[in-house]
Every structure is written in structure tokens, then in C-alpha cells.
Protein backbone atom coordinates (compact mmCIF):
# COMPACT_ATOMS: atom_id res chain seq x y z
CA MET A 1 45.56 -7.64 22.31
CA ILE A 2 45.30 -9.06 18.81
CA ILE A 3 42.08 -10.83 19.78
CA ALA A 4 40.71 -7.55 21.16
CA MET A 5 41.60 -5.71 17.95
CA ASN A 6 39.94 -8.40 15.84
CA THR A 7 36.85 -8.30 18.05
CA GLU A 8 36.69 -4.50 17.75
CA LYS A 9 37.07 -4.74 13.97
CA THR A 10 34.33 -7.38 13.73
CA THR A 11 32.02 -5.28 15.91
CA THR A 12 32.65 -2.20 13.74
CA THR A 13 31.97 -4.19 10.59
CA LYS A 14 28.69 -5.49 12.01
CA VAL A 15 27.64 -1.96 12.99
CA ASP A 16 28.40 -0.67 9.50
CA GLN A 17 26.48 -3.55 7.93
CA THR A 18 23.52 -2.88 10.22
CA ARG A 19 23.54 0.81 9.33
CA ARG A 20 23.63 0.08 5.62
CA SER A 21 20.95 -2.63 5.87
CA GLY A 22 18.65 0.10 7.16
CA TYR A 23 18.33 1.38 3.60
CA ARG A 24 17.20 -2.07 2.45
CA THR A 25 14.51 -2.12 5.15
CA TRP A 26 13.27 1.30 4.14
CA PHE A 27 13.24 0.36 0.48
CA PHE A 28 10.71 -2.37 1.28
CA ILE A 29 8.69 -0.04 3.51
CA ALA A 30 8.48 2.28 0.50
CA MET A 31 7.52 -0.71 -1.62
CA PHE A 32 4.60 -1.34 0.74
CA ASP A 33 3.43 2.15 -0.24
CA LEU A 34 3.60 0.99 -3.87
CA PHE A 35 1.47 -2.03 -2.97
CA ALA A 36 -1.11 0.17 -1.21
CA ALA A 37 -1.22 2.60 -4.13
CA ALA A 38 -1.57 -0.30 -6.59
CA ILE A 39 -4.50 -1.76 -4.63
CA ILE A 40 -6.28 1.60 -4.71
CA GLY A 41 -5.50 1.84 -8.43
CA VAL A 42 -7.21 -1.51 -9.02
CA LEU A 43 -10.28 -0.34 -7.07
CA LEU A 44 -10.45 2.80 -9.19
CA ARG A 45 -10.24 0.72 -12.37
CA ALA A 46 -13.05 -1.53 -11.11
CA MET A 47 -15.34 1.46 -10.53
CA TYR A 48 -15.84 1.83 -14.28
CA PHE A 49 -17.81 -1.41 -14.50
CA VAL A 50 -18.71 -2.37 -10.90
CA GLU A 51 -20.39 -0.26 -8.24
CA ILE A 52 -18.28 -0.09 -5.07
CA PRO A 53 -20.37 1.63 -2.36
CA PHE A 54 -17.53 2.70 -0.06
CA VAL A 55 -15.29 4.18 -2.79
CA THR A 56 -15.71 7.78 -3.92
CA PHE A 57 -13.49 8.25 -6.94
CA ARG A 58 -11.81 11.63 -6.38
CA PRO A 59 -10.78 11.22 -2.69
CA TRP A 60 -9.44 7.71 -3.34
CA LEU A 61 -7.57 9.02 -6.39
CA HIS A 62 -5.88 11.58 -4.13
CA GLY A 63 -4.92 8.78 -1.73
CA HIS A 64 -3.54 6.74 -4.62
CA SER A 65 -1.46 9.55 -6.13
CA HIS A 66 -0.08 10.94 -2.86
CA THR A 67 0.92 7.48 -1.60
CA ALA A 68 2.61 6.59 -4.88
CA LEU A 69 4.34 9.93 -5.42
CA LEU A 70 5.34 10.88 -1.88
CA GLY A 71 5.62 7.38 -0.45
CA TRP A 72 7.02 4.85 -2.90
CA LEU A 73 8.73 7.19 -5.33
CA PHE A 74 10.09 9.86 -2.99
CA ILE A 75 11.22 7.58 -0.16
CA GLY A 76 12.43 4.90 -2.58
CA THR A 77 14.47 7.41 -4.61
CA VAL A 78 16.05 9.04 -1.54
CA VAL A 79 16.90 5.62 -0.08
CA CYS A 80 18.60 4.46 -3.29
CA LEU A 81 20.57 7.69 -3.68
CA LEU A 82 21.81 7.63 -0.09
CA HIS A 83 22.53 3.89 -0.12
CA ASP A 84 25.00 4.61 -2.92
CA GLY A 85 25.63 0.98 -3.80
CA GLY A 86 26.37 0.10 -0.18
CA LEU A 87 28.77 2.98 0.43
CA GLY A 88 26.24 5.19 2.21
CA ARG A 89 25.86 5.19 6.00
CA PHE A 90 22.41 4.86 7.53
CA THR A 91 22.43 7.40 10.36
CA PRO A 92 19.98 7.69 13.27
CA ARG A 93 18.96 11.11 11.93
CA MET A 94 17.99 9.61 8.58
CA ARG A 95 16.07 6.83 10.32
CA TRP A 96 13.94 9.36 12.19
CA LEU A 97 13.43 11.43 9.04
CA LEU A 98 12.19 8.36 7.17
CA ILE A 99 9.92 7.40 10.06
CA GLY A 100 8.40 10.88 9.99
CA LEU A 101 7.98 10.79 6.21
CA GLN A 102 6.29 7.39 6.36
CA ILE A 103 3.91 8.48 9.13
CA ALA A 104 2.93 11.44 6.95
CA VAL A 105 2.37 9.10 3.98
CA VAL A 106 0.16 6.81 6.10
CA GLY A 107 -1.79 9.88 7.19
CA MET A 108 -2.44 10.73 3.53
CA LEU A 109 -3.13 7.10 2.59
CA ILE A 110 -5.88 6.85 5.22
CA GLY A 111 -6.97 10.47 5.32
CA PHE A 112 -7.64 11.21 1.66
CA PRO A 113 -10.08 8.32 1.04
CA LEU A 114 -11.96 9.16 4.25
CA TRP A 115 -12.01 12.96 4.24
CA SER A 116 -10.36 14.17 1.01
CA TYR A 117 -8.70 17.53 1.70
CA ASN A 118 -9.13 18.51 5.36
CA VAL A 119 -6.94 19.57 8.27
CA ILE A 120 -5.51 16.04 8.71
CA THR A 121 -4.45 15.47 5.09
CA ILE A 122 -3.19 19.03 4.65
CA THR A 123 -1.16 18.73 7.86
CA ALA A 124 0.26 15.37 6.74
CA SER A 125 1.21 16.85 3.35
CA SER A 126 2.85 19.87 5.02
CA ILE A 127 4.84 17.70 7.43
CA HIS A 128 5.99 15.55 4.52
CA MET A 129 7.21 18.62 2.64
CA VAL A 130 9.25 19.91 5.60
CA LEU A 131 10.81 16.50 6.27
CA ALA A 132 11.46 16.04 2.54
CA PHE A 133 13.51 19.24 2.53
CA MET A 134 15.54 17.90 5.45
CA ALA A 135 16.10 14.53 3.74
CA LEU A 136 17.12 16.23 0.51
CA ALA A 137 19.57 18.43 2.42
CA THR A 138 21.34 15.18 3.35
CA VAL A 139 21.24 14.03 -0.28
CA TRP A 140 22.73 17.38 -1.33
CA ARG A 141 25.49 17.16 1.28
CA VAL A 142 26.40 13.58 0.38
CA SER A 143 26.42 14.27 -3.38
CA ARG A 144 28.97 17.08 -2.97
CA SER A 145 31.72 14.44 -3.02
CA TRP A 146 30.38 12.85 -6.21
CA PRO A 147 31.78 13.82 -9.64
CA LYS A 148 30.72 17.34 -10.61
CA GLN A 149 30.26 16.44 -14.28
CA GLY A 150 28.28 13.33 -13.45
CA SER A 151 26.09 12.11 -10.63
CA GLY A 152 26.91 15.10 -8.42
CA SER A 153 25.45 17.75 -10.70
CA LEU A 154 22.52 15.52 -11.69
CA THR A 155 21.61 14.86 -8.06
CA ARG A 156 21.79 18.51 -7.09
CA ALA A 157 19.70 19.46 -10.13
CA ALA A 158 17.11 16.91 -8.98
CA VAL A 159 17.01 18.46 -5.50
CA VAL A 160 16.62 21.98 -6.94
CA MET A 161 13.78 20.77 -9.16
CA PHE A 162 12.00 19.25 -6.17
CA ILE A 163 12.26 22.51 -4.24
CA LEU A 164 11.06 24.42 -7.31
CA SER A 165 8.04 22.12 -7.65
CA THR A 166 6.87 22.94 -4.12
CA LEU A 167 6.29 26.56 -5.14
CA GLY A 168 3.21 25.28 -6.96
CA VAL A 169 1.88 23.71 -3.76
CA LEU A 170 2.67 26.80 -1.69
CA ALA A 171 0.80 28.96 -4.19
CA ILE A 172 -2.43 26.99 -3.86
CA GLY A 173 -3.31 28.45 -0.43
CA PRO A 174 -3.18 32.11 -1.54
CA ILE A 175 -4.98 31.22 -4.79
CA ILE A 176 -7.87 29.65 -2.86
CA ALA A 177 -7.87 32.50 -0.32
CA THR A 178 -8.34 35.04 -3.11
CA GLY A 179 -11.30 33.13 -4.53
CA ASN A 180 -9.52 31.68 -7.56
CA GLN A 181 -10.04 27.99 -6.84
CA GLY A 182 -11.18 26.20 -9.99
CA LYS A 183 -9.80 28.92 -12.25
CA GLU A 184 -6.90 28.65 -14.66
CA ILE A 185 -4.32 29.91 -12.20
CA TYR A 186 -5.30 27.21 -9.70
CA TYR A 187 -4.70 24.44 -12.24
CA TRP A 188 -1.48 26.11 -13.36
CA ALA A 189 -0.19 25.86 -9.79
CA VAL A 190 -1.13 22.17 -9.57
CA GLN A 191 0.52 21.49 -12.93
CA PHE A 192 3.60 23.44 -11.84
CA PHE A 193 4.08 21.00 -8.96
CA LEU A 194 3.47 17.92 -11.10
CA HIS A 195 5.60 19.15 -13.99
CA PHE A 196 8.71 19.79 -11.91
CA GLN A 197 8.20 16.54 -10.04
CA PHE A 198 8.00 14.38 -13.18
CA ASN A 199 10.21 16.38 -15.57
CA GLY A 200 12.56 17.70 -12.91
CA TRP A 201 13.02 15.84 -9.63
CA PHE A 202 12.36 12.30 -10.84
CA TRP A 203 13.94 12.80 -14.27
CA PHE A 204 17.26 14.07 -12.92
CA ALA A 205 17.19 11.58 -10.04
CA ALA A 206 16.78 8.75 -12.56
CA MET A 207 19.83 9.94 -14.50
CA ALA A 208 21.75 10.42 -11.24
CA LEU A 209 21.12 6.82 -10.17
CA GLY A 210 22.42 5.55 -13.51
CA ALA A 211 25.42 7.86 -13.53
CA ARG A 212 26.36 6.97 -9.95
CA TRP A 213 26.22 3.25 -10.74
CA ALA A 214 28.55 3.79 -13.71
CA GLU A 215 30.97 5.78 -11.55
CA ARG A 216 31.09 3.01 -8.96
CA GLN A 217 32.06 0.62 -11.76
CA GLY A 218 35.03 2.83 -12.54
CA PHE A 219 33.50 4.28 -15.70
CA ALA A 220 34.06 7.99 -16.31
CA LEU A 221 30.54 9.01 -17.26
CA THR A 222 30.93 12.72 -18.02
CA ILE A 223 27.84 14.90 -18.43
CA ASP A 224 29.30 18.03 -20.02
CA ARG A 225 28.00 21.49 -19.20
CA LEU A 226 26.15 21.90 -22.49
CA THR A 227 24.21 18.64 -22.07
CA MET A 228 23.37 19.55 -18.48
CA ALA A 229 22.24 23.02 -19.50
CA LEU A 230 20.05 21.59 -22.25
CA TRP A 231 18.29 19.29 -19.78
CA VAL A 232 17.74 22.04 -17.22
CA VAL A 233 16.48 24.67 -19.67
CA SER A 234 14.20 22.19 -21.46
CA ALA A 235 12.76 21.05 -18.11
CA VAL A 236 11.85 24.64 -17.26
CA LEU A 237 10.47 25.58 -20.67
CA THR A 238 8.36 22.44 -21.16
CA TYR A 239 6.13 23.74 -18.37
CA ALA A 240 4.51 25.65 -21.23
CA LEU A 241 2.95 22.32 -22.22
CA ALA A 242 0.94 22.32 -18.99
CA ILE A 243 -0.68 25.66 -19.76
CA SER A 244 -1.06 25.28 -23.52
CA TRP A 245 -4.50 23.64 -23.14
CA SER A 246 -5.90 26.78 -21.49
CA GLU A 247 -3.73 29.32 -23.31
CA PRO A 248 -3.35 27.98 -26.86
CA ARG A 249 -1.48 31.05 -28.07
CA PRO A 250 1.33 31.16 -30.67
CA ALA A 251 3.87 32.35 -28.06
CA VAL A 252 3.07 29.40 -25.80
CA PHE A 253 3.48 26.85 -28.60
CA ALA A 254 6.65 28.60 -29.78
CA THR A 255 8.05 28.11 -26.26
CA VAL A 256 7.00 24.47 -26.38
CA ALA A 257 8.73 24.03 -29.75
CA VAL A 258 11.99 25.48 -28.43
CA ALA A 259 11.75 23.38 -25.25
CA VAL A 260 11.22 20.07 -27.01
CA ALA A 261 13.97 20.83 -29.52
CA LEU A 262 16.39 21.39 -26.64
CA GLN A 263 15.13 18.23 -24.94
CA VAL A 264 15.65 16.09 -28.04
CA TRP A 265 19.14 17.56 -28.42
CA ALA A 266 19.92 16.76 -24.77
CA ALA A 267 18.57 13.22 -25.18
CA TRP A 268 20.70 12.66 -28.29
CA ARG A 269 23.87 13.83 -26.52
CA THR A 270 23.06 11.71 -23.45
CA PHE A 271 22.46 8.65 -25.63
CA GLY A 272 25.91 9.14 -27.12
CA ILE A 273 27.43 9.19 -23.63
CA MET A 274 25.53 6.06 -22.57
CA LYS A 275 26.51 4.16 -25.70
CA ARG A 276 30.14 4.19 -24.63
CA MET A 277 29.41 2.08 -21.56
CA ARG A 278 27.12 -0.44 -23.24
CA ASN A 279 29.58 -3.33 -23.07
CA VAL A 280 30.41 -2.67 -19.42
CA ALA A 281 26.72 -2.58 -18.52
CA TYR A 282 26.02 -5.81 -20.39
CA GLU A 283 28.82 -7.63 -18.56
CA ARG A 284 28.03 -6.40 -15.04
CA ILE A 285 24.26 -6.13 -14.92
CA PRO A 286 22.15 -9.30 -14.44
CA ARG A 287 19.68 -10.17 -17.20
CA ALA A 288 16.63 -9.35 -15.04
CA ALA A 289 18.00 -5.90 -14.23
CA ARG A 290 18.84 -5.33 -17.91
CA ILE A 291 15.20 -6.01 -18.82
CA LEU A 292 13.95 -3.50 -16.22
CA ILE A 293 16.49 -0.90 -17.29
CA GLY A 294 15.51 -1.54 -20.90
CA VAL A 295 11.85 -0.84 -20.07
CA ALA A 296 12.92 2.34 -18.26
CA LEU A 297 15.07 3.56 -21.16
CA VAL A 298 12.31 2.88 -23.69
CA SER A 299 9.88 4.76 -21.43
CA MET A 300 12.30 7.68 -21.17
CA ALA A 301 12.70 7.75 -24.95
CA MET A 302 8.92 7.60 -25.41
CA LYS A 303 8.50 10.46 -22.95
CA VAL A 304 10.88 12.63 -24.99
CA LEU A 305 9.14 11.68 -28.26
CA VAL A 306 5.67 12.31 -26.83
CA GLN A 307 6.68 15.75 -25.60
CA ALA A 308 8.30 16.46 -28.98
CA SER A 309 5.07 15.58 -30.81
CA VAL A 310 2.97 17.94 -28.72
CA ALA A 311 4.90 20.88 -30.12
CA ILE A 312 2.23 20.64 -32.83
CA PRO A 313 -0.78 22.60 -31.46
CA SER A 314 -3.47 20.17 -32.61
CA VAL A 315 -1.57 17.22 -31.15
CA ALA A 316 -1.00 19.11 -27.88
CA ILE A 317 -4.69 19.87 -27.42
CA MET A 318 -5.58 16.25 -28.21
CA ALA A 319 -2.94 14.87 -25.83
CA LEU A 320 -4.02 17.09 -22.94
CA THR A 321 -7.77 16.61 -23.32
CA ILE A 322 -7.99 12.83 -23.85
CA ARG A 323 -7.72 11.43 -20.33
CA HIS A 324 -6.27 8.09 -21.44
CA PHE A 325 -3.25 9.86 -22.91
CA VAL A 326 -2.77 11.90 -19.73
CA MET A 327 -2.96 8.79 -17.51
CA GLY A 328 -0.66 6.89 -19.84
CA PHE A 329 1.93 9.66 -19.80
CA VAL A 330 1.86 10.00 -15.99
CA HIS A 331 2.23 6.25 -15.47
CA MET A 332 4.95 6.10 -18.12
CA ASN A 333 7.00 8.33 -15.82
CA THR A 334 6.05 6.85 -12.45
CA LEU A 335 5.91 3.18 -13.41
CA GLY A 336 7.76 2.81 -16.70
CA VAL A 337 10.76 4.92 -15.68
CA MET A 338 11.10 5.31 -11.92
CA THR A 339 9.60 2.05 -10.65
CA MET A 340 11.65 0.05 -13.13
CA LEU A 341 14.86 1.88 -12.20
CA LEU A 342 14.26 1.51 -8.45
CA CYS A 343 13.58 -2.21 -8.85
CA SER A 344 16.69 -2.64 -11.00
CA TYR A 345 18.67 -0.87 -8.27
CA ALA A 346 17.28 -3.38 -5.77
CA ILE A 347 18.55 -6.22 -7.97
CA LEU A 348 22.01 -4.66 -8.34
CA SER A 349 22.19 -4.10 -4.58
CA GLY A 350 21.23 -7.70 -3.80
CA TRP A 351 17.93 -6.71 -2.18
CA PHE A 352 16.02 -8.97 -4.58
CA ASP A 353 17.23 -12.57 -4.54
CA LEU A 354 16.69 -13.71 -8.13
CA LYS A 355 17.16 -17.35 -7.09
CA ARG A 356 13.71 -17.23 -5.48
CA GLY A 357 10.77 -18.01 -7.70
CA SER A 358 8.56 -15.48 -5.94
CA ILE A 359 10.99 -12.69 -6.87
CA ARG A 360 11.17 -13.73 -10.52
CA TRP A 361 7.39 -14.10 -10.76
CA GLY A 362 6.87 -10.82 -8.93
CA LEU A 363 9.12 -8.90 -11.29
CA GLY A 364 7.53 -10.61 -14.31
CA LEU A 365 3.99 -9.76 -13.24
CA LEU A 366 4.91 -6.19 -12.35
CA VAL A 367 6.56 -5.59 -15.73
CA ALA A 368 3.71 -7.31 -17.58
CA GLY A 369 1.15 -5.19 -15.72
CA ILE A 370 2.96 -1.95 -16.49
CA ILE A 371 3.49 -2.67 -20.19
CA THR A 372 -0.01 -4.06 -20.77
CA SER A 373 -1.80 -1.23 -18.97
CA GLU A 374 0.26 1.38 -20.85
CA LEU A 375 -0.57 -0.24 -24.20
CA LEU A 376 -4.27 -0.36 -23.30
CA LEU A 377 -4.30 3.30 -22.27
CA PHE A 378 -2.56 4.58 -25.40
CA VAL A 379 -4.47 2.32 -27.79
CA GLN A 380 -7.82 3.37 -26.32
CA GLY A 381 -6.73 7.01 -26.39
CA SER A 382 -5.84 6.63 -30.06
CA PHE A 383 -9.27 5.11 -30.74
CA PHE A 384 -10.91 8.16 -29.16
CA TRP A 385 -8.65 10.45 -31.19
CA ILE A 386 -9.55 8.94 -34.57
CA GLY A 387 -13.23 8.66 -33.67
CA LEU A 388 -13.58 4.89 -33.27
CA GLY A 389 -14.99 5.14 -29.75
CA MET A 390 -14.65 2.69 -26.90
CA ILE A 391 -13.01 -0.72 -27.38
CA PRO A 392 -15.43 -3.41 -26.11
CA GLY A 393 -14.42 -4.59 -22.66
CA HIS A 394 -11.69 -1.97 -22.37
CA TYR A 395 -12.14 -1.23 -18.66
CA VAL A 396 -12.28 -4.93 -17.79
CA HIS A 397 -9.04 -5.48 -19.68
CA LEU A 398 -7.48 -2.46 -17.96
CA PHE A 399 -8.60 -3.79 -14.58
CA ALA A 400 -7.04 -7.19 -15.31
CA ALA A 401 -3.76 -5.61 -16.43
CA SER A 402 -3.67 -3.37 -13.37
CA LEU A 403 -4.33 -6.33 -11.08
CA LEU A 404 -1.03 -7.88 -12.15
CA MET A 405 0.87 -5.04 -10.48
CA PRO A 406 -0.20 -5.42 -6.81
CA ILE A 407 0.12 -9.20 -7.16
CA GLY A 408 3.65 -8.75 -8.46
CA VAL A 409 4.58 -6.28 -5.72
CA LEU A 410 3.14 -8.59 -3.05
CA LEU A 411 5.26 -11.46 -4.34
CA LEU A 412 8.34 -9.23 -4.23
CA LEU A 413 7.60 -8.23 -0.65
CA VAL A 414 6.87 -11.77 0.54
CA GLY A 415 9.89 -13.19 -1.31
CA SER A 416 12.22 -10.55 0.08
CA LEU A 417 11.03 -10.46 3.67
CA LYS A 418 10.90 -14.19 4.39
CA LYS A 419 14.05 -15.81 5.72
């Protein structure tokens, strides 16, 4: 009888381990999306100085952005939230949801470069949205047991922001149907989606991941109601930034000024909360993860400072019209913040074996590629701003920096998947 009980217990343990290892598998499937998006990014960089006959810039750009945003970042973030440091259970329902999401991402990855927007890519995008709602319903349900003044409220705010962002996508159909494609309202709808993805869903999800890690370490990380309210209100009001380029009116910039003031206040209060757990983090987080988290925190601070600076009308117009600044800001969020945090989560969860040289080199090249490409984008943007023109060899340098990223991701995949 004792032997039977031990056998049953061992079997149960193995089943639980198998269920939880499913999240690790799906993290690397999402990372393959990052690799695919990075390869397309390198091709797009190369187009500035080499003719590539089979690449049309705009459709491939759509493939790049949809694969990165809806593949790597969405699936990767959901996987890390539900994994919950190994406490989360990988259910059959979640497996099928992730399979459906990934099939939709592959449809967009292949479809956009070949056909741009057509029935296949629109269908894939629509299927992804429906399945994303279902996946986030699970995230919402799971987070209900998390601390209300911590990861619980942050996670639910992230889910609400994702749902809010989809209103921009849903508005595009009626806008086109009424003959307003290419007009201001069309671009406002697009920016509405992107704004609440970057400044809402991903921003709150990033804070939720950090808060949940702290809670699992036994640290009472309390996000008080005022701080939470400041983040939420500032996220909503900073949408005014997205329309300030087309509506540079005093009321719009006044809204921007209020929004960034609230955001800086929220950031200051959050920094004070984080400071209290600095020693705990230093003791329990490996050096490699600390570097990635450091890059993410610097990127988050830069994001707040950049948005604060554009409260000045002349700076706002400059920042929104110089493409290098726009690309730098977008990649600061997607690569500097979210990619670094997701990779640091993989280290803390034991998904990256730091004893392997391929993992260390992969992380090093990925970080180097992100930092170097961001510096190149902002420096070149500043040269345009002050009238110094193009830096000689800029696009070659940007191509070389970007090439480090897919190489780094490939090393991470190979190093993690081999026995």
C-alpha cells in the first residue's frame, strides 16, 4: 500500500512538472517569433543600402511588427504571467489557445509579406484577437488570488488596457467603410491601438511581472491606490501625444502636460517602493538577470523622461515627425523593456542555463544589439533635429547592430533546446 501511495505521488508530481514545463516550451515558441521578426528587421535595415528584389518594404514591415507584437510579446507575456514562477498549471485549454494564437501569428508572418492586408491576414488578425481575449480571461481569473495592492491590480489593469486598445482596431473597419482611410481619424485609430498596447497592456504587464516576483520572495510590494490611479490616468491622457502632431492645439498640449506630470509623479512613487527591495533583489537575482533588468529599468525611465519632454510643443512635433525618434521609442518599449524583462524571467525560472556558453553569448549579443541600435537611432535623429544631416554609413552601422539580435536569439534557442 505504501509503495502504491508513493507511486501515485510520483506520478502526480511528474504530471504537474509536465504541465508546468509546457510554459517553458511555449516561451521558446514565442522566442522563435522574435527570431523571425528580427530576421525581417535586418532585411528592412538592409533595404536602405542594398536592393532586395523580393522585399517590398511596407508589407514586410507589417509582417515584422505583427509577429513581434502579437507573437513574441503577447504570447511571451501571457506565458510568463501564467507560469507564475512555477506555481501556474498548464492546462489543456491553455495549450489549445496557445496553438491557435501561434497559428494566427504564422498566418500573419507569411501573409503580410506576400499579400499585405487581404482576407487571409485580416482573418488571422481577427482570430488572434478573439483567442487573446480568451487567454486574458484566464490571466484575469488566475490573478484574482494575487495581492490586490500589488500584482493582482497591475495584471488586471494590463488586461483592461489590452481590451481598450482593440477598440482602435475595431474602429478601422467603419472608418474605411465611410471613406476616411488615410485621413486623421484613421491614423488616430491606429495610434489608439498602439498607444494602449505600449503604454497600457505591456507597461502594466511589465510592472505585474516584477511585483509578482517580489511577492513570491515574500516581499510585501504594495502599490497604493494613489500610485495605481496615477499610472492609469496618465496612460489614458498620454494618448493626446498621439494626436498632437495633427492637432497641435493648446488644449491638446495642456492635456499632454497634465498627463506627463501625473506619469512622472507615479514613476517617482513607484521608484520609492522598488528601492525598499533593492537588497533582496541583489541577493536573489543572478548577475545576468540583474543586467537585463537594469536595461529594462533604464528603458522605462527613459520612456517616462521622453514623454515628459514632449509636453513642450516644439519638442513634441520634432519627436513625432523624425522617424528615427519614433522607431527608437517603439523599440525602447518592445526591446528595451519587454524583451529584457521576459528574458530575465526566463533566467529566474531556469529556462536559460547560464552555464552554457551559447546562452551567455546569446544574451550578450542580444543586449548589445538592442543598446547599439537604440543609440544609433537616437543619435541620428538628433543629427536631423539640429540640422547636421545623415551620419556617413549610418544605415550600414544600423544593419550591423540589428544583425546582432537574431544571432543572439538563435544562440539562445539552440542553447536552450539542445539536450
